[in-house]
């Protein structure tokens, strides 16, 4: 991926419960990656997201940024994919996830010079429930004229 001109935020879609210990999250991400590379009819080359934020707020590298993601069908070109672990239709992102998302997203916006108008959620690009109503409402507020991302 030669450059980043937009960023898309996702949720995993599976409710999070259980351990947020490093090893447990590493296993969960390995399972997500395995599901993506065994996907049918078209498997992905790797996990579809560039970065993942776990419930403790740790940021994990998924797919290396030099490769185009596989996270929004037909919309992946120059599109950085960030996924938060959880299902935010049935739960809320943790405070740690939101703090990490806010600082990381602002940093990536500045680094790649992506304006707030080019920061999306999955459902804004494709018909889907992702990133869940609870993360969607947070994203709308963060992108508002008074929101954190608008000042980036």
N, C-alpha and C. Protein backbone atom coordinates (compact mmCIF):
# COMPACT_ATOMS: atom_id res chain seq x y z
N UNK A 1 0.87 -1.16 0.00
CA UNK A 1 0.00 0.00 0.00
C UNK A 1 0.92 1.23 0.00
N UNK A 2 0.94 1.95 -1.09
CA UNK A 2 1.89 3.06 -1.20
C UNK A 2 1.61 4.23 -0.25
N UNK A 3 0.37 4.45 0.07
CA UNK A 3 0.02 5.56 0.95
C UNK A 3 -1.32 5.27 1.61
N UNK A 4 -1.66 6.06 2.61
CA UNK A 4 -2.95 5.97 3.29
C UNK A 4 -3.68 7.27 3.05
N UNK A 5 -4.89 7.17 2.52
CA UNK A 5 -5.69 8.38 2.30
C UNK A 5 -7.01 8.35 3.07
N UNK A 6 -7.29 7.24 3.74
CA UNK A 6 -8.48 7.15 4.59
C UNK A 6 -8.28 6.05 5.62
N UNK A 7 -9.12 6.11 6.64
CA UNK A 7 -9.02 5.18 7.77
C UNK A 7 -10.42 4.68 8.08
N UNK A 8 -10.55 3.38 8.33
CA UNK A 8 -11.84 2.79 8.67
C UNK A 8 -11.75 2.04 9.99
N UNK A 9 -12.73 2.28 10.86
CA UNK A 9 -12.80 1.66 12.18
C UNK A 9 -13.85 0.55 12.18
N UNK A 10 -13.50 -0.56 12.82
CA UNK A 10 -14.34 -1.76 12.86
C UNK A 10 -14.45 -2.29 14.28
N UNK A 11 -15.41 -3.20 14.48
CA UNK A 11 -15.38 -4.05 15.67
C UNK A 11 -15.23 -5.49 15.19
N UNK A 12 -14.81 -6.34 16.11
CA UNK A 12 -14.63 -7.75 15.74
C UNK A 12 -15.96 -8.41 15.42
N UNK A 13 -16.99 -8.08 16.18
CA UNK A 13 -18.30 -8.67 15.96
C UNK A 13 -18.62 -9.81 16.90
N UNK A 14 -17.64 -10.27 17.66
CA UNK A 14 -17.86 -11.30 18.68
C UNK A 14 -17.71 -10.64 20.04
N UNK A 15 -18.69 -10.86 20.90
CA UNK A 15 -18.64 -10.26 22.24
C UNK A 15 -17.39 -10.72 22.97
N UNK A 16 -16.78 -9.80 23.69
CA UNK A 16 -15.60 -10.13 24.47
C UNK A 16 -16.00 -10.48 25.88
N UNK A 17 -15.55 -11.62 26.32
CA UNK A 17 -15.65 -12.01 27.73
C UNK A 17 -14.46 -12.91 27.98
N UNK A 18 -14.00 -12.94 29.17
CA UNK A 18 -12.86 -13.78 29.48
C UNK A 18 -11.63 -12.97 29.75
N UNK A 19 -10.50 -13.61 29.62
CA UNK A 19 -9.23 -13.02 29.98
C UNK A 19 -8.75 -12.02 28.93
N UNK A 20 -8.23 -10.89 29.43
CA UNK A 20 -7.58 -9.96 28.52
C UNK A 20 -6.06 -10.02 28.69
N UNK A 21 -5.59 -11.15 29.25
CA UNK A 21 -4.15 -11.37 29.36
C UNK A 21 -3.54 -11.46 27.96
N UNK A 22 -2.30 -11.06 27.89
CA UNK A 22 -1.58 -11.02 26.62
C UNK A 22 -1.71 -12.32 25.84
N UNK A 23 -1.48 -13.45 26.50
CA UNK A 23 -1.51 -14.74 25.80
C UNK A 23 -2.92 -15.08 25.29
N UNK A 24 -3.94 -14.73 26.05
CA UNK A 24 -5.32 -15.00 25.62
C UNK A 24 -5.68 -14.15 24.40
N UNK A 25 -5.27 -12.89 24.40
CA UNK A 25 -5.54 -12.02 23.25
C UNK A 25 -4.74 -12.50 22.04
N UNK A 26 -3.51 -12.90 22.25
CA UNK A 26 -2.69 -13.41 21.14
C UNK A 26 -3.36 -14.62 20.50
N UNK A 27 -3.93 -15.52 21.31
CA UNK A 27 -4.65 -16.69 20.76
C UNK A 27 -5.89 -16.24 20.00
N UNK A 28 -6.61 -15.26 20.54
CA UNK A 28 -7.82 -14.76 19.87
C UNK A 28 -7.47 -14.17 18.50
N UNK A 29 -6.40 -13.39 18.45
CA UNK A 29 -5.97 -12.80 17.18
C UNK A 29 -5.48 -13.86 16.21
N UNK A 30 -4.83 -14.88 16.71
CA UNK A 30 -4.41 -15.99 15.84
C UNK A 30 -5.63 -16.68 15.25
N UNK A 31 -6.70 -16.83 16.03
CA UNK A 31 -7.94 -17.43 15.52
C UNK A 31 -8.59 -16.55 14.46
N UNK A 32 -8.58 -15.23 14.68
CA UNK A 32 -9.14 -14.31 13.68
C UNK A 32 -8.33 -14.41 12.39
N UNK A 33 -7.01 -14.38 12.51
CA UNK A 33 -6.13 -14.50 11.34
C UNK A 33 -6.41 -15.80 10.60
N UNK A 34 -6.50 -16.89 11.34
CA UNK A 34 -6.76 -18.21 10.74
C UNK A 34 -8.09 -18.20 9.99
N UNK A 35 -9.12 -17.58 10.58
CA UNK A 35 -10.41 -17.46 9.91
C UNK A 35 -10.32 -16.67 8.62
N UNK A 36 -9.50 -15.63 8.61
CA UNK A 36 -9.35 -14.82 7.41
C UNK A 36 -8.59 -15.56 6.31
N UNK A 37 -7.54 -16.29 6.68
CA UNK A 37 -6.76 -16.96 5.62
C UNK A 37 -7.44 -18.24 5.14
N UNK A 38 -8.41 -18.76 5.89
CA UNK A 38 -9.17 -19.93 5.46
C UNK A 38 -10.55 -19.55 4.92
N UNK A 39 -10.81 -18.28 4.81
CA UNK A 39 -12.10 -17.75 4.36
C UNK A 39 -12.43 -18.30 2.97
N UNK A 40 -13.69 -18.61 2.77
CA UNK A 40 -14.16 -19.09 1.47
C UNK A 40 -15.32 -18.23 0.99
N UNK A 41 -15.46 -17.94 -0.27
CA UNK A 41 -14.71 -18.53 -1.37
C UNK A 41 -13.37 -17.84 -1.62
N UNK A 42 -13.13 -16.66 -1.05
CA UNK A 42 -11.87 -15.96 -1.30
C UNK A 42 -11.10 -15.75 -0.01
N UNK A 43 -10.08 -16.56 0.25
CA UNK A 43 -9.29 -16.36 1.46
C UNK A 43 -8.47 -15.08 1.37
N UNK A 44 -8.19 -14.50 2.54
CA UNK A 44 -7.31 -13.33 2.61
C UNK A 44 -5.87 -13.83 2.72
N UNK A 45 -4.92 -13.00 2.36
CA UNK A 45 -3.51 -13.34 2.49
C UNK A 45 -3.05 -13.31 3.94
N UNK A 46 -3.78 -12.57 4.78
CA UNK A 46 -3.42 -12.39 6.19
C UNK A 46 -4.66 -11.87 6.90
N UNK A 47 -4.54 -11.55 8.17
CA UNK A 47 -5.64 -10.90 8.87
C UNK A 47 -5.99 -9.63 8.08
N UNK A 48 -7.24 -9.27 8.02
CA UNK A 48 -7.66 -8.16 7.17
C UNK A 48 -7.35 -6.78 7.70
N UNK A 49 -7.16 -6.64 9.01
CA UNK A 49 -6.98 -5.34 9.65
C UNK A 49 -5.50 -5.03 9.86
N UNK A 50 -5.15 -3.77 9.76
CA UNK A 50 -3.77 -3.36 10.00
C UNK A 50 -3.45 -3.30 11.49
N UNK A 51 -4.42 -2.85 12.27
CA UNK A 51 -4.21 -2.72 13.72
C UNK A 51 -5.44 -3.20 14.47
N UNK A 52 -5.20 -3.73 15.67
CA UNK A 52 -6.27 -4.24 16.52
C UNK A 52 -6.06 -3.64 17.91
N UNK A 53 -7.15 -3.21 18.54
CA UNK A 53 -7.08 -2.69 19.90
C UNK A 53 -7.85 -3.63 20.81
N UNK A 54 -7.15 -4.19 21.79
CA UNK A 54 -7.78 -5.15 22.69
C UNK A 54 -8.46 -4.43 23.86
N UNK A 55 -9.22 -5.15 24.68
CA UNK A 55 -9.95 -4.51 25.78
C UNK A 55 -9.08 -3.79 26.81
N UNK A 56 -7.80 -4.13 26.89
CA UNK A 56 -6.89 -3.43 27.81
C UNK A 56 -6.30 -2.18 27.18
N UNK A 57 -6.63 -1.94 25.90
CA UNK A 57 -6.11 -0.77 25.19
C UNK A 57 -4.80 -1.01 24.48
N UNK A 58 -4.30 -2.25 24.53
CA UNK A 58 -3.07 -2.56 23.79
C UNK A 58 -3.35 -2.53 22.30
N UNK A 59 -2.41 -2.01 21.55
CA UNK A 59 -2.54 -1.94 20.10
C UNK A 59 -1.63 -3.00 19.50
N UNK A 60 -2.24 -3.87 18.71
CA UNK A 60 -1.54 -4.97 18.07
C UNK A 60 -1.44 -4.70 16.57
N UNK A 61 -0.30 -5.05 15.99
CA UNK A 61 -0.20 -4.98 14.54
C UNK A 61 -0.85 -6.23 13.96
N UNK A 62 -1.71 -6.04 12.99
CA UNK A 62 -2.31 -7.14 12.27
C UNK A 62 -1.55 -7.32 10.97
N UNK A 63 -2.14 -6.84 9.90
CA UNK A 63 -1.50 -6.91 8.59
C UNK A 63 -0.48 -5.77 8.51
N UNK A 64 0.72 -6.03 8.06
CA UNK A 64 1.69 -4.94 7.92
C UNK A 64 1.15 -3.84 7.01
N UNK A 65 1.42 -2.61 7.37
CA UNK A 65 0.87 -1.45 6.66
C UNK A 65 1.33 -1.38 5.20
N UNK A 66 2.43 -2.01 4.87
CA UNK A 66 2.88 -1.97 3.47
C UNK A 66 1.96 -2.75 2.54
N UNK A 67 1.04 -3.56 3.13
CA UNK A 67 0.10 -4.33 2.34
C UNK A 67 -1.31 -3.78 2.47
N UNK A 68 -2.01 -3.75 1.38
CA UNK A 68 -3.41 -3.31 1.40
C UNK A 68 -4.21 -4.22 2.32
N UNK A 69 -5.12 -3.63 3.07
CA UNK A 69 -5.97 -4.41 3.98
C UNK A 69 -7.05 -5.16 3.24
N UNK A 70 -7.82 -5.93 4.00
CA UNK A 70 -8.96 -6.67 3.48
C UNK A 70 -10.06 -6.54 4.54
N UNK A 71 -10.61 -5.33 4.65
CA UNK A 71 -11.56 -5.07 5.73
C UNK A 71 -12.83 -4.37 5.28
N UNK A 72 -12.88 -3.82 4.07
CA UNK A 72 -14.10 -3.24 3.51
C UNK A 72 -14.15 -3.66 2.04
N UNK A 73 -15.05 -4.55 1.73
CA UNK A 73 -15.12 -5.08 0.37
C UNK A 73 -15.13 -3.96 -0.67
N UNK A 74 -14.20 -4.07 -1.63
CA UNK A 74 -14.06 -3.15 -2.76
C UNK A 74 -13.71 -1.72 -2.33
N UNK A 75 -13.24 -1.55 -1.08
CA UNK A 75 -12.91 -0.20 -0.58
C UNK A 75 -11.59 -0.19 0.19
N UNK A 76 -10.70 -1.11 -0.10
CA UNK A 76 -9.49 -1.26 0.69
C UNK A 76 -8.29 -0.45 0.20
N UNK A 77 -8.35 0.03 -1.01
CA UNK A 77 -7.20 0.76 -1.55
C UNK A 77 -6.92 2.00 -0.71
N UNK A 78 -5.69 2.14 -0.24
CA UNK A 78 -5.24 3.28 0.57
C UNK A 78 -6.07 3.46 1.85
N UNK A 79 -6.63 2.38 2.36
CA UNK A 79 -7.54 2.42 3.50
C UNK A 79 -6.93 1.64 4.67
N UNK A 80 -6.57 2.36 5.73
CA UNK A 80 -6.01 1.76 6.94
C UNK A 80 -7.15 1.20 7.78
N UNK A 81 -7.07 -0.07 8.14
CA UNK A 81 -8.12 -0.73 8.92
C UNK A 81 -7.74 -0.90 10.38
N UNK A 82 -8.59 -0.38 11.27
CA UNK A 82 -8.39 -0.52 12.72
C UNK A 82 -9.61 -1.22 13.29
N UNK A 83 -9.36 -2.32 14.03
CA UNK A 83 -10.46 -3.11 14.60
C UNK A 83 -10.32 -3.15 16.11
N UNK A 84 -11.44 -2.98 16.81
CA UNK A 84 -11.49 -3.14 18.26
C UNK A 84 -12.13 -4.48 18.57
N UNK A 85 -11.53 -5.21 19.50
CA UNK A 85 -12.07 -6.50 19.90
C UNK A 85 -13.36 -6.30 20.69
N UNK A 86 -14.41 -6.99 20.29
CA UNK A 86 -15.71 -6.93 20.96
C UNK A 86 -16.84 -6.80 19.96
N UNK A 87 -18.05 -6.89 20.46
CA UNK A 87 -19.25 -6.67 19.65
C UNK A 87 -19.99 -5.49 20.27
N UNK A 88 -19.91 -4.36 19.63
CA UNK A 88 -20.40 -3.13 20.22
C UNK A 88 -21.86 -2.83 19.88
N UNK A 89 -22.56 -3.86 19.43
CA UNK A 89 -24.02 -3.83 19.43
C UNK A 89 -24.53 -4.35 20.77
N UNK A 90 -23.76 -5.23 21.42
CA UNK A 90 -24.21 -5.86 22.66
C UNK A 90 -23.39 -5.45 23.88
N UNK A 91 -22.29 -4.76 23.68
CA UNK A 91 -21.47 -4.27 24.78
C UNK A 91 -20.87 -2.93 24.37
N UNK A 92 -20.23 -2.30 25.30
CA UNK A 92 -19.57 -1.02 25.03
C UNK A 92 -18.06 -1.23 24.96
N UNK A 93 -17.38 -0.43 24.14
CA UNK A 93 -15.92 -0.51 24.17
C UNK A 93 -15.44 -0.13 25.57
N UNK A 94 -14.34 -0.72 25.99
CA UNK A 94 -13.80 -0.36 27.29
C UNK A 94 -13.22 1.06 27.23
N UNK A 95 -13.10 1.67 28.38
CA UNK A 95 -12.49 3.00 28.44
C UNK A 95 -11.06 2.94 27.89
N UNK A 96 -10.34 1.87 28.20
CA UNK A 96 -8.98 1.71 27.70
C UNK A 96 -8.95 1.63 26.17
N UNK A 97 -9.92 0.94 25.58
CA UNK A 97 -9.98 0.88 24.11
C UNK A 97 -10.22 2.25 23.52
N UNK A 98 -11.15 3.00 24.11
CA UNK A 98 -11.47 4.32 23.56
C UNK A 98 -10.30 5.29 23.70
N UNK A 99 -9.60 5.24 24.81
CA UNK A 99 -8.43 6.10 25.00
C UNK A 99 -7.36 5.76 23.96
N UNK A 100 -7.11 4.46 23.76
CA UNK A 100 -6.12 4.05 22.76
C UNK A 100 -6.55 4.41 21.35
N UNK A 101 -7.83 4.15 21.04
CA UNK A 101 -8.32 4.48 19.71
C UNK A 101 -8.17 5.97 19.44
N UNK A 102 -8.57 6.78 20.40
CA UNK A 102 -8.49 8.23 20.22
C UNK A 102 -7.06 8.68 19.94
N UNK A 103 -6.12 8.29 20.78
CA UNK A 103 -4.75 8.76 20.59
C UNK A 103 -4.11 8.15 19.34
N UNK A 104 -4.35 6.87 19.10
CA UNK A 104 -3.76 6.22 17.94
C UNK A 104 -4.33 6.77 16.64
N UNK A 105 -5.63 6.96 16.60
CA UNK A 105 -6.26 7.47 15.38
C UNK A 105 -5.80 8.89 15.08
N UNK A 106 -5.73 9.73 16.09
CA UNK A 106 -5.23 11.10 15.88
C UNK A 106 -3.79 11.05 15.37
N UNK A 107 -2.97 10.19 15.96
CA UNK A 107 -1.59 10.05 15.51
C UNK A 107 -1.52 9.61 14.05
N UNK A 108 -2.31 8.62 13.67
CA UNK A 108 -2.31 8.13 12.28
C UNK A 108 -2.87 9.19 11.33
N UNK A 109 -3.88 9.93 11.75
CA UNK A 109 -4.42 11.00 10.91
C UNK A 109 -3.34 12.04 10.62
N UNK A 110 -2.61 12.41 11.64
CA UNK A 110 -1.54 13.41 11.46
C UNK A 110 -0.41 12.85 10.60
N UNK A 111 0.01 11.62 10.91
CA UNK A 111 1.13 11.02 10.18
C UNK A 111 0.84 10.90 8.69
N UNK A 112 -0.36 10.44 8.35
CA UNK A 112 -0.72 10.24 6.94
C UNK A 112 -1.46 11.43 6.33
N UNK A 113 -1.68 12.47 7.14
CA UNK A 113 -2.40 13.66 6.69
C UNK A 113 -3.80 13.32 6.17
N UNK A 114 -4.50 12.52 6.97
CA UNK A 114 -5.86 12.11 6.64
C UNK A 114 -6.82 13.06 7.37
N UNK A 115 -7.64 13.80 6.63
CA UNK A 115 -8.60 14.70 7.31
C UNK A 115 -9.74 13.91 7.95
N UNK A 116 -10.37 14.52 8.92
CA UNK A 116 -11.47 13.86 9.62
C UNK A 116 -12.57 13.42 8.65
N UNK A 117 -12.73 14.14 7.55
CA UNK A 117 -13.75 13.77 6.55
C UNK A 117 -13.43 12.45 5.84
N UNK A 118 -12.22 11.92 6.05
CA UNK A 118 -11.81 10.65 5.43
C UNK A 118 -11.62 9.55 6.47
N UNK A 119 -12.20 9.76 7.67
CA UNK A 119 -12.19 8.74 8.72
C UNK A 119 -13.60 8.18 8.80
N UNK A 120 -13.73 6.88 8.58
CA UNK A 120 -15.03 6.23 8.45
C UNK A 120 -15.20 5.11 9.47
N UNK A 121 -16.42 4.64 9.57
CA UNK A 121 -16.69 3.35 10.18
C UNK A 121 -17.11 2.44 9.04
N UNK A 122 -17.02 1.15 9.27
CA UNK A 122 -17.32 0.16 8.24
C UNK A 122 -18.71 0.39 7.64
N UNK A 123 -19.71 0.63 8.49
CA UNK A 123 -21.08 0.77 7.99
C UNK A 123 -21.28 1.99 7.09
N UNK A 124 -20.36 2.94 7.18
CA UNK A 124 -20.46 4.13 6.33
C UNK A 124 -19.96 3.87 4.92
N UNK A 125 -19.29 2.75 4.73
CA UNK A 125 -18.78 2.38 3.41
C UNK A 125 -19.47 1.17 2.81
N UNK A 126 -20.11 0.38 3.65
CA UNK A 126 -20.74 -0.86 3.21
C UNK A 126 -21.91 -1.16 4.14
N UNK A 127 -22.93 -1.81 3.65
CA UNK A 127 -24.10 -2.14 4.47
C UNK A 127 -23.72 -3.25 5.46
N UNK A 128 -23.57 -2.86 6.72
CA UNK A 128 -23.17 -3.79 7.78
C UNK A 128 -23.52 -3.18 9.13
N UNK A 129 -23.54 -3.97 10.17
CA UNK A 129 -23.77 -3.47 11.53
C UNK A 129 -22.47 -2.95 12.14
N UNK A 130 -21.34 -3.28 11.58
CA UNK A 130 -20.03 -2.90 12.09
C UNK A 130 -19.85 -1.38 12.03
N UNK A 131 -19.42 -0.75 13.08
CA UNK A 131 -18.75 -1.24 14.28
C UNK A 131 -19.67 -1.37 15.49
N UNK A 132 -20.93 -1.60 15.27
CA UNK A 132 -21.88 -1.70 16.39
C UNK A 132 -22.35 -0.32 16.81
N UNK A 133 -23.57 -0.25 17.31
CA UNK A 133 -24.16 1.05 17.63
C UNK A 133 -23.41 1.82 18.70
N UNK A 134 -22.80 1.13 19.66
CA UNK A 134 -22.10 1.84 20.74
C UNK A 134 -20.79 2.48 20.28
N UNK A 135 -20.04 1.83 19.41
CA UNK A 135 -18.84 2.45 18.86
C UNK A 135 -19.20 3.45 17.77
N UNK A 136 -20.25 3.18 17.01
CA UNK A 136 -20.69 4.12 15.97
C UNK A 136 -21.03 5.48 16.59
N UNK A 137 -21.80 5.47 17.68
CA UNK A 137 -22.18 6.75 18.29
C UNK A 137 -20.96 7.48 18.84
N UNK A 138 -19.99 6.75 19.38
CA UNK A 138 -18.76 7.37 19.87
C UNK A 138 -17.99 8.00 18.70
N UNK A 139 -17.91 7.30 17.59
CA UNK A 139 -17.21 7.82 16.41
C UNK A 139 -17.87 9.08 15.87
N UNK A 140 -19.19 9.09 15.84
CA UNK A 140 -19.91 10.28 15.36
C UNK A 140 -19.56 11.48 16.23
N UNK A 141 -19.57 11.29 17.54
CA UNK A 141 -19.23 12.39 18.46
C UNK A 141 -17.78 12.83 18.29
N UNK A 142 -16.87 11.88 18.13
CA UNK A 142 -15.45 12.21 18.01
C UNK A 142 -15.15 12.96 16.72
N UNK A 143 -15.95 12.75 15.68
CA UNK A 143 -15.74 13.44 14.40
C UNK A 143 -16.53 14.73 14.27
N UNK A 144 -17.37 15.02 15.24
CA UNK A 144 -18.18 16.24 15.19
C UNK A 144 -17.25 17.46 15.24
N UNK A 145 -17.75 18.64 14.90
CA UNK A 145 -16.89 19.84 14.92
C UNK A 145 -16.22 20.09 16.28
N UNK A 146 -16.86 19.68 17.37
CA UNK A 146 -16.27 19.84 18.70
C UNK A 146 -15.51 18.60 19.16
N UNK A 147 -15.49 17.55 18.33
CA UNK A 147 -14.90 16.28 18.73
C UNK A 147 -13.39 16.24 18.61
N UNK A 148 -12.81 15.22 19.20
CA UNK A 148 -11.36 15.03 19.25
C UNK A 148 -10.73 14.97 17.86
N UNK A 149 -11.34 14.23 16.95
CA UNK A 149 -10.72 14.02 15.63
C UNK A 149 -10.79 15.27 14.77
N UNK A 150 -11.78 16.10 14.97
CA UNK A 150 -11.91 17.32 14.18
C UNK A 150 -10.76 18.27 14.48
N UNK A 151 -10.14 18.14 15.64
CA UNK A 151 -9.02 19.02 16.02
C UNK A 151 -7.67 18.44 15.61
N UNK A 152 -7.69 17.25 15.02
CA UNK A 152 -6.41 16.58 14.66
C UNK A 152 -5.71 17.29 13.51
